[in-house]
Amino acid sequence: MNTIDRAPDELRMVRILPDYTEMAAGSVLICCGRTKVICTASVQEGVPSFLRGKGKGWLTAEYAMLPGSTPQRKQRDGVKKDGRGVEIQRLIGRSLRAACDLTRLGERTIYIDCDVIQADGGTRTASVTGAFVALCIAVDKLMQMGTLVDSPIIRQVAAVSAGVIDDVCTLDLEYAQDSRAQVDMNIVMTRDGEGNLGFVEVQGTGEGRCYTRAELDRLLALGGKGCLELMQIQRDALGSRAEVICKKPLLVLASNNFGKLKELKQMLGDRYDVRSMREMDVETEVEETGETFGENALIKAKALMGICNCATLADDSGLCVDQLGGRPGVHSARYCGVHGDDEANNQLLLKELSDKPAPHKAHYGAALALCRPGREPVIVYGRCDGEIIGEYRGSGGFGYDPLFLSDDLGVTFAEADPQAKNGVSHRARAIQKLIAALEGEA
């Protein structure tokens, strides 16, 4: 008979005491009923050999039950750990890695140590839940020191046990329940920045009997309820340091153009904290030596990423005229030999087309290059088609806009309403492709 003084869907009393030790980058004591685990997170430069040179970090875990943690002294682990301990530390490592984007960690390793000082059931789930808080504290410290620019923690993770006791589905088993459970289950869950829940692992075993689908559904529902409650306890323990959970990564735009910045913030603001070079106090001029828009965009984005150590986005764009073999192309802004002289560029273009039959088919092209530490660059290209006419029309826009008659709009870009122009522009189409590429990664 179950004599535990709590409802079947009720957690044991849970306390998480942050900063429990002083030496590790992050530490907590987590108490789940009478189960007590010290969880620490230590940071070390460098990664295992299989990750060297890839710009990506690593996270690994160790778990141990200390000799005085049980009524009968448990022998201290020697060189060879017991199989149960190895299984649990692998679970802890998997669970926390599922919460992280390790490319944001750089080439450094976080070691999680979970030491059970008192065991009364649920030590592995308490370890996962407590270790996540220790990890957050360590990441916050690294960010405060400037060692990390972006938080690698992209999901929150917690774990809880559940089981069937005397044919009743029950949450958070302590030893008196676990030792006679008909069904025993451990549930590890994540929650992303939009509140979506996911499972890292479900370990369910029929100890005394098989369990039904209805019982499985009930146990998973209990696990979800328990994990959500534990996630709130984690946040309460962290206080302001919970801001490292699902924090938007920085994206620095290789430009100080306010219009570009505003457009990108509108289109990428859900994914990134978009900033200009000026906002990051970065001043750099990169020589554009590429032969294509994509090559130039990548050169600029890579150079900026090397300075900022975070995601960067650069673009290169220009006008390509079919009858001129794609010129002005990458030299659009300096076609006449002087950078940014729109009138001289336009006059040279008209002169070069003067002996060629109309229509002078052309397109604006734009390449965007997104560079992120530890990831392959993403390069996308957008274009809008039209033709070059022999006279100036309109007073808006800039560059070749008064001469570029848009196929989409039927007017020159200089005549077009700015919102209409932005809807069909080469840059807008490139950004749409970039968003589609990012969604494909999810």
Protein backbone atom coordinates (compact mmCIF):
# COMPACT_ATOMS: atom_id res chain seq x y z
CA MET A 1 0.00 0.00 0.00
CA ASN A 2 1.30 3.48 -0.90
CA THR A 3 1.80 5.50 2.29
CA ILE A 4 3.54 8.44 0.58
CA ASP A 5 1.87 11.66 1.72
CA ARG A 6 1.34 13.35 -1.65
CA ALA A 7 -0.99 13.05 -4.60
CA PRO A 8 -0.05 10.72 -7.46
CA ASP A 9 0.51 13.71 -9.79
CA GLU A 10 2.53 15.75 -7.27
CA LEU A 11 6.29 16.28 -7.28
CA ARG A 12 8.33 15.80 -4.18
CA MET A 13 9.54 19.01 -2.59
CA VAL A 14 12.25 20.35 -4.91
CA ARG A 15 14.91 22.86 -3.96
CA ILE A 16 17.75 24.08 -6.16
CA LEU A 17 20.50 26.02 -4.39
CA PRO A 18 22.70 27.83 -6.95
CA ASP A 19 26.40 28.67 -6.47
CA TYR A 20 26.72 25.82 -3.99
CA THR A 21 30.49 25.59 -4.48
CA GLU A 22 32.95 28.36 -5.34
CA MET A 23 35.53 26.82 -7.66
CA ALA A 24 33.50 25.49 -10.59
CA ALA A 25 32.13 27.88 -13.20
CA GLY A 26 28.62 26.75 -12.27
CA SER A 27 27.29 24.70 -9.38
CA VAL A 28 24.07 23.76 -7.60
CA LEU A 29 22.77 21.48 -4.92
CA ILE A 30 19.48 19.97 -6.05
CA CYS A 31 17.23 18.33 -3.47
CA CYS A 32 14.28 16.24 -4.67
CA GLY A 33 12.68 14.98 -1.50
CA ARG A 34 15.52 13.23 0.31
CA THR A 35 17.62 12.80 -2.84
CA LYS A 36 20.48 15.28 -2.95
CA VAL A 37 22.92 15.80 -5.83
CA ILE A 38 25.78 18.27 -6.23
CA CYS A 39 26.01 19.31 -9.90
CA THR A 40 28.95 21.33 -11.21
CA ALA A 41 29.91 22.67 -14.63
CA SER A 42 33.59 23.24 -15.39
CA VAL A 43 34.96 24.84 -18.53
CA GLN A 44 38.19 23.93 -20.26
CA GLU A 45 39.73 25.28 -23.45
CA GLY A 46 40.06 22.71 -26.22
CA VAL A 47 37.90 19.88 -27.52
CA PRO A 48 38.32 16.13 -28.14
CA SER A 49 40.43 15.19 -31.15
CA PHE A 50 37.40 14.41 -33.33
CA LEU A 51 36.27 18.07 -33.06
CA ARG A 52 39.60 19.90 -33.38
CA GLY A 53 39.69 22.57 -36.02
CA LYS A 54 35.92 22.53 -36.56
CA GLY A 55 35.13 25.61 -34.47
CA LYS A 56 32.67 23.63 -32.36
CA GLY A 57 32.54 22.88 -28.64
CA TRP A 58 31.72 19.78 -26.64
CA LEU A 59 29.83 18.89 -23.48
CA THR A 60 30.27 15.70 -21.52
CA ALA A 61 29.14 14.42 -18.11
CA GLU A 62 30.21 12.18 -15.28
CA TYR A 63 28.00 10.73 -12.55
CA ALA A 64 28.77 9.01 -9.29
CA MET A 65 27.01 7.92 -6.12
CA LEU A 66 29.32 8.74 -3.24
CA PRO A 67 30.00 6.09 -0.59
CA GLY A 68 27.75 7.62 2.09
CA SER A 69 24.82 8.27 -0.23
CA THR A 70 22.97 5.02 0.65
CA PRO A 71 22.22 3.23 3.95
CA GLN A 72 24.84 0.63 3.16
CA ARG A 73 28.11 2.19 2.07
CA LYS A 74 28.50 2.14 -1.68
CA GLN A 75 32.00 1.34 -2.85
CA ARG A 76 33.69 4.29 -4.45
CA ASP A 77 34.04 4.03 -8.24
CA GLY A 78 37.51 2.99 -9.29
CA VAL A 79 39.12 3.13 -12.70
CA LYS A 80 36.24 1.08 -14.07
CA LYS A 81 32.84 2.58 -13.34
CA ASP A 82 29.81 0.41 -12.71
CA GLY A 83 27.49 -0.08 -15.68
CA ARG A 84 24.62 1.86 -14.11
CA GLY A 85 26.82 4.90 -13.54
CA VAL A 86 28.07 4.85 -17.12
CA GLU A 87 24.50 4.61 -18.43
CA ILE A 88 23.38 7.56 -16.32
CA GLN A 89 26.29 9.85 -17.20
CA ARG A 90 25.65 9.19 -20.88
CA LEU A 91 22.01 10.13 -20.33
CA ILE A 92 23.03 13.38 -18.64
CA GLY A 93 25.43 14.26 -21.45
CA ARG A 94 22.87 13.49 -24.16
CA SER A 95 20.21 15.51 -22.38
CA LEU A 96 22.32 18.64 -22.00
CA ARG A 97 23.74 18.43 -25.51
CA ALA A 98 20.14 18.36 -26.76
CA ALA A 99 19.70 21.72 -25.05
CA CYS A 100 22.73 23.32 -26.72
CA ASP A 101 24.02 24.59 -30.03
CA LEU A 102 27.64 23.68 -29.47
CA THR A 103 28.83 25.75 -32.43
CA ARG A 104 28.26 28.80 -30.21
CA LEU A 105 30.62 27.45 -27.57
CA GLY A 106 33.78 27.74 -29.64
CA GLU A 107 36.50 25.12 -29.26
CA ARG A 108 36.07 24.55 -25.55
CA THR A 109 34.59 21.77 -23.44
CA ILE A 110 32.10 21.93 -20.59
CA TYR A 111 32.40 19.09 -18.09
CA ILE A 112 29.31 18.30 -16.04
CA ASP A 113 29.84 16.40 -12.77
CA CYS A 114 26.90 15.02 -10.83
CA ASP A 115 27.73 13.55 -7.43
CA VAL A 116 24.92 11.99 -5.42
CA ILE A 117 25.43 12.67 -1.73
CA GLN A 118 22.09 11.16 -0.67
CA ALA A 119 19.97 8.76 -2.72
CA ASP A 120 16.26 8.19 -2.28
CA GLY A 121 15.18 7.49 -5.85
CA GLY A 122 15.30 9.63 -8.99
CA THR A 123 19.02 10.40 -8.85
CA ARG A 124 19.43 10.40 -12.63
CA THR A 125 16.50 12.73 -13.27
CA ALA A 126 17.56 15.04 -10.44
CA SER A 127 21.05 15.09 -11.97
CA VAL A 128 19.75 16.17 -15.38
CA THR A 129 17.55 18.88 -13.86
CA GLY A 130 20.25 20.23 -11.56
CA ALA A 131 23.03 19.97 -14.14
CA PHE A 132 21.08 22.19 -16.52
CA VAL A 133 21.02 24.96 -13.91
CA ALA A 134 24.76 24.55 -13.28
CA LEU A 135 25.31 24.79 -17.04
CA CYS A 136 23.30 28.03 -17.24
CA ILE A 137 25.33 29.56 -14.41
CA ALA A 138 28.58 28.64 -16.16
CA VAL A 139 27.41 30.06 -19.49
CA ASP A 140 26.28 33.29 -17.83
CA LYS A 141 29.72 33.63 -16.26
CA LEU A 142 31.43 33.07 -19.63
CA MET A 143 29.24 35.71 -21.24
CA GLN A 144 29.85 38.20 -18.43
CA MET A 145 33.59 37.66 -18.91
CA GLY A 146 33.27 38.20 -22.66
CA THR A 147 34.54 34.70 -23.39
CA LEU A 148 31.26 33.89 -25.13
CA VAL A 149 29.32 36.29 -27.35
CA ASP A 150 26.26 34.06 -27.76
CA SER A 151 24.62 31.66 -25.34
CA PRO A 152 24.78 28.06 -26.62
CA ILE A 153 21.65 27.15 -24.63
CA ILE A 154 18.84 26.97 -27.18
CA ARG A 155 16.41 24.84 -25.15
CA GLN A 156 15.57 24.25 -21.52
CA VAL A 157 15.80 20.67 -20.29
CA ALA A 158 14.48 18.87 -17.21
CA ALA A 159 13.80 15.27 -16.24
CA VAL A 160 11.48 13.39 -13.91
CA SER A 161 10.50 9.83 -13.13
CA ALA A 162 7.05 8.26 -13.23
CA GLY A 163 5.68 4.79 -12.72
CA VAL A 164 2.76 2.56 -11.90
CA ILE A 165 2.37 1.85 -8.18
CA ASP A 166 -0.48 -0.44 -7.10
CA ASP A 167 -2.02 0.12 -10.55
CA VAL A 168 -1.93 3.91 -10.10
CA CYS A 169 0.13 6.09 -12.46
CA THR A 170 2.38 8.15 -10.18
CA LEU A 171 4.83 11.02 -10.66
CA ASP A 172 8.35 11.38 -9.23
CA LEU A 173 9.06 8.07 -7.52
CA GLU A 174 11.10 7.91 -4.37
CA TYR A 175 12.89 4.73 -3.38
CA ALA A 176 10.01 3.25 -1.38
CA GLN A 177 7.88 3.48 -4.52
CA ASP A 178 10.54 2.71 -7.10
CA SER A 179 11.57 -0.52 -5.36
CA ARG A 180 8.09 -2.03 -5.83
CA ALA A 181 6.98 -0.28 -9.01
CA GLN A 182 5.04 -2.33 -11.53
CA VAL A 183 6.24 0.07 -14.23
CA ASP A 184 9.22 2.41 -14.03
CA MET A 185 9.82 5.32 -16.43
CA ASN A 186 12.27 8.21 -16.76
CA ILE A 187 11.29 11.14 -18.96
CA VAL A 188 13.63 13.88 -20.23
CA MET A 189 11.99 16.85 -21.97
CA THR A 190 13.00 20.11 -23.60
CA ARG A 191 11.24 23.39 -24.20
CA ASP A 192 12.35 25.87 -26.86
CA GLY A 193 11.99 29.64 -26.96
CA GLU A 194 8.50 29.40 -28.42
CA GLY A 195 7.32 27.04 -25.69
CA ASN A 196 7.36 23.91 -27.84
CA LEU A 197 8.01 20.75 -25.85
CA GLY A 198 10.08 17.80 -27.05
CA PHE A 199 11.40 14.52 -25.71
CA VAL A 200 15.09 13.76 -25.38
CA GLU A 201 14.55 10.33 -23.93
CA VAL A 202 11.82 8.10 -22.53
CA GLN A 203 13.01 5.05 -20.61
CA GLY A 204 10.02 2.87 -19.73
CA THR A 205 10.21 -0.65 -18.33
CA GLY A 206 7.56 -3.09 -17.22
CA GLU A 207 9.11 -4.28 -13.97
CA GLY A 208 6.24 -6.28 -12.47
CA ARG A 209 3.94 -6.43 -15.49
CA CYS A 210 3.37 -5.02 -18.95
CA TYR A 211 1.70 -1.64 -19.25
CA THR A 212 -1.10 -0.53 -21.51
CA ARG A 213 -1.20 2.23 -24.07
CA ALA A 214 -3.54 4.17 -21.80
CA GLU A 215 -1.01 3.89 -18.95
CA LEU A 216 1.80 4.95 -21.28
CA ASP A 217 -0.14 8.05 -22.30
CA ARG A 218 -0.92 8.84 -18.67
CA LEU A 219 2.75 8.43 -17.63
CA LEU A 220 3.90 10.70 -20.45
CA ALA A 221 1.30 13.30 -19.44
CA LEU A 222 2.53 13.13 -15.86
CA GLY A 223 6.11 13.48 -17.08
CA GLY A 224 5.18 16.57 -19.10
CA LYS A 225 3.46 18.12 -16.10
CA GLY A 226 6.42 17.38 -13.84
CA CYS A 227 9.02 18.68 -16.31
CA LEU A 228 7.14 21.95 -16.77
CA GLU A 229 7.00 22.46 -13.02
CA LEU A 230 10.71 21.66 -12.73
CA MET A 231 11.52 24.13 -15.51
CA GLN A 232 9.84 26.88 -13.55
CA ILE A 233 11.81 25.89 -10.44
CA GLN A 234 15.00 26.04 -12.54
CA ARG A 235 14.17 29.56 -13.72
CA ASP A 236 13.31 30.70 -10.21
CA ALA A 237 16.68 29.41 -8.99
CA LEU A 238 18.55 31.16 -11.80
CA GLY A 239 16.83 34.53 -11.48
CA SER A 240 18.23 36.98 -14.06
CA ARG A 241 20.72 34.35 -15.21
CA ALA A 242 17.82 32.52 -16.87
CA GLU A 243 18.25 35.04 -19.71
CA VAL A 244 20.91 32.73 -21.18
CA ILE A 245 18.12 30.23 -22.00
CA CYS A 246 16.97 30.58 -25.62
CA LYS A 247 18.70 33.96 -25.93
CA LYS A 248 18.72 35.23 -29.51
CA PRO A 249 22.19 35.01 -31.04
CA LEU A 250 23.84 38.14 -32.36
CA LEU A 251 23.93 38.77 -36.09
CA VAL A 252 26.21 41.60 -37.18
CA LEU A 253 25.46 43.17 -40.54
CA ALA A 254 28.53 44.12 -42.57
CA SER A 255 27.08 47.57 -43.11
CA ASN A 256 25.94 50.67 -41.27
CA ASN A 257 23.14 51.30 -43.76
CA PHE A 258 20.05 52.07 -41.67
CA GLY A 259 17.65 50.90 -44.39
CA LYS A 260 19.32 47.51 -44.69
CA LEU A 261 19.46 47.17 -40.92
CA LYS A 262 15.76 47.98 -40.52
CA GLU A 263 14.77 45.54 -43.27
CA LEU A 264 16.83 42.71 -41.79
CA LYS A 265 15.54 43.34 -38.29
CA GLN A 266 11.99 43.03 -39.60
CA MET A 267 12.72 39.82 -41.51
CA LEU A 268 15.20 38.09 -39.18
CA GLY A 269 14.25 39.56 -35.81
CA ASP A 270 12.60 36.35 -34.64
CA ARG A 271 15.87 34.47 -35.08
CA TYR A 272 18.64 36.98 -34.44
CA ASP A 273 19.51 40.09 -32.51
CA VAL A 274 20.51 42.07 -35.60
CA ARG A 275 23.12 44.80 -35.13
CA SER A 276 25.15 47.09 -37.33
CA MET A 277 28.94 47.33 -37.28
CA ARG A 278 28.60 50.71 -35.60
CA GLU A 279 26.52 49.24 -32.78
CA MET A 280 29.30 46.68 -32.23
CA ASP A 281 32.01 49.39 -32.32
CA VAL A 282 33.58 47.72 -35.34
CA GLU A 283 35.33 49.72 -38.03
CA THR A 284 36.84 47.74 -40.85
CA GLU A 285 37.24 48.02 -44.60
CA VAL A 286 37.54 44.76 -46.50
CA GLU A 287 38.91 44.69 -50.02
CA GLU A 288 36.34 43.11 -52.32
CA THR A 289 38.53 40.98 -54.55
CA GLY A 290 35.90 38.46 -55.63
CA GLU A 291 34.75 38.00 -59.21
CA THR A 292 31.11 37.41 -58.26
CA PHE A 293 28.63 38.94 -55.84
CA GLY A 294 28.69 35.73 -53.81
CA GLU A 295 32.48 35.75 -53.48
CA ASN A 296 32.54 39.37 -52.33
CA ALA A 297 29.72 38.84 -49.82
CA LEU A 298 31.53 35.84 -48.37
CA ILE A 299 34.83 37.72 -48.09
CA LYS A 300 33.13 40.48 -46.08
CA ALA A 301 31.10 38.14 -43.85
CA LYS A 302 34.13 35.96 -43.03
CA ALA A 303 36.29 38.95 -42.16
CA LEU A 304 33.61 40.37 -39.87
CA MET A 305 33.01 37.01 -38.17
CA GLY A 306 36.73 36.86 -37.39
CA ILE A 307 36.40 40.14 -35.51
CA CYS A 308 33.03 39.67 -33.79
CA ASN A 309 33.11 35.89 -33.15
CA CYS A 310 29.41 35.61 -33.89
CA ALA A 311 27.08 35.25 -36.86
CA THR A 312 27.63 37.85 -39.57
CA LEU A 313 25.77 38.74 -42.73
CA ALA A 314 27.17 40.57 -45.74
CA ASP A 315 25.75 41.37 -49.14
CA ASP A 316 27.05 42.41 -52.48
CA SER A 317 24.85 43.56 -55.29
CA GLY A 318 24.82 45.35 -58.59
CA LEU A 319 23.48 45.66 -62.10
CA CYS A 320 24.17 43.08 -64.79
CA VAL A 321 23.45 43.97 -68.44
CA ASP A 322 23.20 41.12 -70.95
CA GLN A 323 24.65 43.04 -73.91
CA LEU A 324 27.68 44.04 -71.82
CA GLY A 325 28.51 40.48 -70.79
CA GLY A 326 27.14 41.00 -67.28
CA ARG A 327 28.86 44.33 -66.63
CA PRO A 328 28.92 46.50 -64.54
CA GLY A 329 28.44 43.50 -62.18
CA VAL A 330 30.67 43.57 -59.11
CA HIS A 331 32.00 46.97 -60.27
CA SER A 332 28.56 48.60 -60.31
CA ALA A 333 29.29 51.16 -57.59
CA ARG A 334 32.62 52.15 -59.15
CA TYR A 335 31.93 51.53 -62.84
CA CYS A 336 33.22 54.93 -63.88
CA GLY A 337 36.35 54.53 -61.76
CA VAL A 338 35.10 56.56 -58.79
CA HIS A 339 33.15 54.82 -56.04
CA GLY A 340 29.58 56.06 -55.57
CA ASP A 341 29.38 58.58 -58.46
CA ASP A 342 25.89 57.62 -59.64
CA GLU A 343 25.66 60.18 -62.42
CA ALA A 344 29.00 59.23 -63.97
CA ASN A 345 28.13 55.53 -63.73
CA ASN A 346 24.79 56.09 -65.48
CA GLN A 347 26.32 58.18 -68.24
CA LEU A 348 28.99 55.54 -68.92
CA LEU A 349 26.34 52.83 -69.05
CA LEU A 350 24.23 54.79 -71.57
CA LYS A 351 27.32 55.47 -73.69
CA GLU A 352 28.27 51.78 -73.80
CA LEU A 353 24.73 50.81 -74.84
CA SER A 354 24.27 53.61 -77.37
CA ASP A 355 25.34 51.51 -80.37
CA LYS A 356 23.44 48.40 -79.30
CA PRO A 357 19.86 47.62 -80.32
CA ALA A 358 17.05 47.84 -77.74
CA PRO A 359 15.78 46.25 -75.59
CA HIS A 360 18.80 46.23 -73.30
CA LYS A 361 17.88 43.34 -71.03
CA ALA A 362 19.36 43.51 -67.54
CA HIS A 363 18.86 42.41 -63.98
CA TYR A 364 19.79 43.53 -60.52
CA GLY A 365 21.49 40.76 -58.57
CA ALA A 366 22.20 40.44 -54.85
CA ALA A 367 24.12 37.80 -52.93
CA LEU A 368 23.87 37.35 -49.18
CA ALA A 369 26.48 35.41 -47.22
CA LEU A 370 25.72 34.25 -43.69
CA CYS A 371 28.73 33.09 -41.68
CA ARG A 372 28.43 31.44 -38.27
CA PRO A 373 31.20 30.01 -36.07
CA GLY A 374 31.47 26.26 -36.48
CA ARG A 375 29.06 26.10 -39.43
CA GLU A 376 29.36 26.13 -43.18
CA PRO A 377 28.52 29.50 -44.77
CA VAL A 378 25.10 29.96 -46.35
CA ILE A 379 25.15 31.91 -49.62
CA VAL A 380 21.94 32.83 -51.46
CA TYR A 381 21.25 34.87 -54.57
CA GLY A 382 18.28 36.95 -55.57
CA ARG A 383 17.55 38.79 -58.80
CA CYS A 384 14.93 41.02 -60.38
CA ASP A 385 14.72 41.37 -64.15
CA GLY A 386 14.11 44.36 -66.38
CA GLU A 387 15.80 46.47 -69.03
CA ILE A 388 17.87 49.62 -69.33
CA ILE A 389 16.05 52.47 -71.02
CA GLY A 390 17.66 55.45 -72.75
CA GLU A 391 16.34 58.22 -70.49
CA TYR A 392 16.03 59.00 -66.81
CA ARG A 393 12.61 58.41 -65.24
CA GLY A 394 11.71 59.15 -61.65
CA SER A 395 13.43 60.84 -58.75
CA GLY A 396 13.52 58.07 -56.17
CA GLY A 397 15.96 55.29 -55.51
CA PHE A 398 19.67 55.54 -56.19
CA GLY A 399 22.36 54.21 -58.52
CA TYR A 400 20.98 52.91 -61.78
CA ASP A 401 17.34 53.01 -60.60
CA PRO A 402 16.24 55.86 -62.97
CA LEU A 403 17.34 53.73 -65.97
CA PHE A 404 16.14 50.32 -64.78
CA LEU A 405 12.64 49.48 -66.02
CA SER A 406 11.30 46.67 -63.83
CA ASP A 407 9.56 43.72 -65.52
CA ASP A 408 7.54 43.21 -62.34
CA LEU A 409 6.36 46.79 -61.85
CA GLY A 410 6.31 48.29 -65.38
CA VAL A 411 8.04 51.44 -64.12
CA THR A 412 11.60 52.30 -63.30
CA PHE A 413 12.83 51.65 -59.77
CA ALA A 414 13.18 55.44 -59.40
CA GLU A 415 9.48 55.84 -60.24
CA ALA A 416 8.30 52.97 -58.07
CA ASP A 417 6.75 53.27 -54.64
CA PRO A 418 9.52 52.25 -52.17
CA GLN A 419 7.35 49.54 -50.61
CA ALA A 420 6.50 48.11 -54.04
CA LYS A 421 10.17 48.18 -55.02
CA ASN A 422 11.21 46.39 -51.84
CA GLY A 423 8.62 43.72 -52.52
CA VAL A 424 10.30 42.64 -55.77
CA SER A 425 13.87 43.76 -55.18
CA HIS A 426 16.86 41.50 -55.61
CA ARG A 427 17.78 41.95 -51.95
CA ALA A 428 14.29 41.08 -50.70
CA ARG A 429 14.32 37.92 -52.79
CA ALA A 430 17.74 36.97 -51.47
CA ILE A 431 16.53 37.47 -47.90
CA GLN A 432 13.50 35.28 -48.60
CA LYS A 433 15.83 32.53 -49.82
CA LEU A 434 17.99 32.96 -46.72
CA ILE A 435 14.97 32.58 -44.45
CA ALA A 436 13.93 29.45 -46.36
CA ALA A 437 17.45 28.03 -45.93
CA LEU A 438 17.38 28.72 -42.19
CA GLU A 439 13.96 27.12 -41.85
CA GLY A 440 15.33 24.07 -43.66
CA GLU A 441 17.98 23.71 -40.93
CA ALA A 442 15.43 23.53 -38.11
